[in-house]
Amino acid sequence: MAANIIAVGAVNEALQIASVKSLEEAVLNHIPKGTEELNIKAMRLGAELVKSNPEKKTKKGEEKKAHA
């Protein structure tokens, strides 16, 4: 069930739409009580997946490749 929150974290990391604090607050305001820890971990996982990707996109959609 946390796949959508993983995606939220990944998209935010890639596009830098909101601060981490703002995104965490938004997630916490829209999830069922009792799932806070799971969903915050999922959001952070999504962000980490983007950070660890060697090929990143700029805000203009241009691809940046990691130097080998």
Protein backbone atom coordinates (compact mmCIF):
# COMPACT_ATOMS: atom_id res chain seq x y z
CA MET A 1 0.00 0.00 0.00
CA ALA A 2 2.96 2.37 0.39
CA ALA A 3 3.91 2.29 -3.30
CA ASN A 4 2.09 5.56 -3.95
CA ILE A 5 4.01 7.27 -1.14
CA ILE A 6 7.30 5.89 -2.49
CA ALA A 7 6.35 7.54 -5.79
CA VAL A 8 5.53 10.82 -4.01
CA GLY A 9 9.00 10.86 -2.43
CA ALA A 10 10.68 9.99 -5.72
CA VAL A 11 8.83 12.60 -7.77
CA ASN A 12 9.49 15.27 -5.18
CA GLU A 13 13.19 14.45 -5.07
CA ALA A 14 13.45 14.53 -8.86
CA LEU A 15 11.51 17.77 -9.31
CA GLN A 16 12.23 19.50 -5.98
CA ILE A 17 8.61 20.60 -5.64
CA ALA A 18 8.44 20.95 -1.86
CA SER A 19 10.76 20.89 1.12
CA VAL A 20 11.12 17.57 2.90
CA LYS A 21 9.39 19.02 5.97
CA SER A 22 6.42 20.26 3.92
CA LEU A 23 6.12 16.96 2.11
CA GLU A 24 6.23 14.99 5.37
CA GLU A 25 3.48 17.20 6.81
CA ALA A 26 1.34 16.72 3.70
CA VAL A 27 1.80 12.96 3.78
CA LEU A 28 0.97 12.79 7.48
CA ASN A 29 -2.22 14.79 6.87
CA HIS A 30 -3.44 12.37 4.18
CA ILE A 31 -2.72 8.88 5.49
CA PRO A 32 -4.64 6.64 7.89
CA LYS A 33 -3.74 6.92 11.57
CA GLY A 34 -1.36 4.18 12.62
CA THR A 35 0.53 4.16 9.31
CA GLU A 36 2.66 7.25 9.90
CA GLU A 37 6.00 5.49 10.39
CA LEU A 38 5.51 3.18 7.40
CA ASN A 39 4.55 6.01 5.08
CA ILE A 40 7.34 8.37 6.13
CA LYS A 41 9.83 5.55 5.57
CA ALA A 42 8.26 4.92 2.16
CA MET A 43 8.53 8.60 1.22
CA ARG A 44 12.19 8.69 2.25
CA LEU A 45 12.86 5.47 0.31
CA GLY A 46 11.45 7.03 -2.84
CA ALA A 47 13.71 10.05 -2.41
CA GLU A 48 16.74 7.83 -1.80
CA LEU A 49 16.03 5.81 -4.94
CA VAL A 50 16.22 8.97 -7.01
CA LYS A 51 19.34 10.20 -5.20
CA SER A 52 21.11 6.90 -5.83
CA ASN A 53 20.23 6.83 -9.55
CA PRO A 54 23.37 7.61 -11.62
CA GLU A 55 21.29 9.27 -14.34
CA LYS A 56 19.34 12.29 -13.19
CA LYS A 57 17.15 14.74 -15.01
CA THR A 58 17.39 18.48 -14.65
CA LYS A 59 14.32 20.60 -14.05
CA LYS A 60 14.17 21.27 -17.79
CA GLY A 61 14.07 17.53 -18.50
CA GLU A 62 17.59 17.35 -19.90
CA GLU A 63 19.37 14.15 -19.03
CA LYS A 64 22.58 14.29 -17.04
CA LYS A 65 24.68 11.15 -17.18
CA ALA A 66 27.09 10.15 -14.48
CA HIS A 67 30.72 10.07 -15.49
CA ALA A 68 32.08 6.56 -15.55
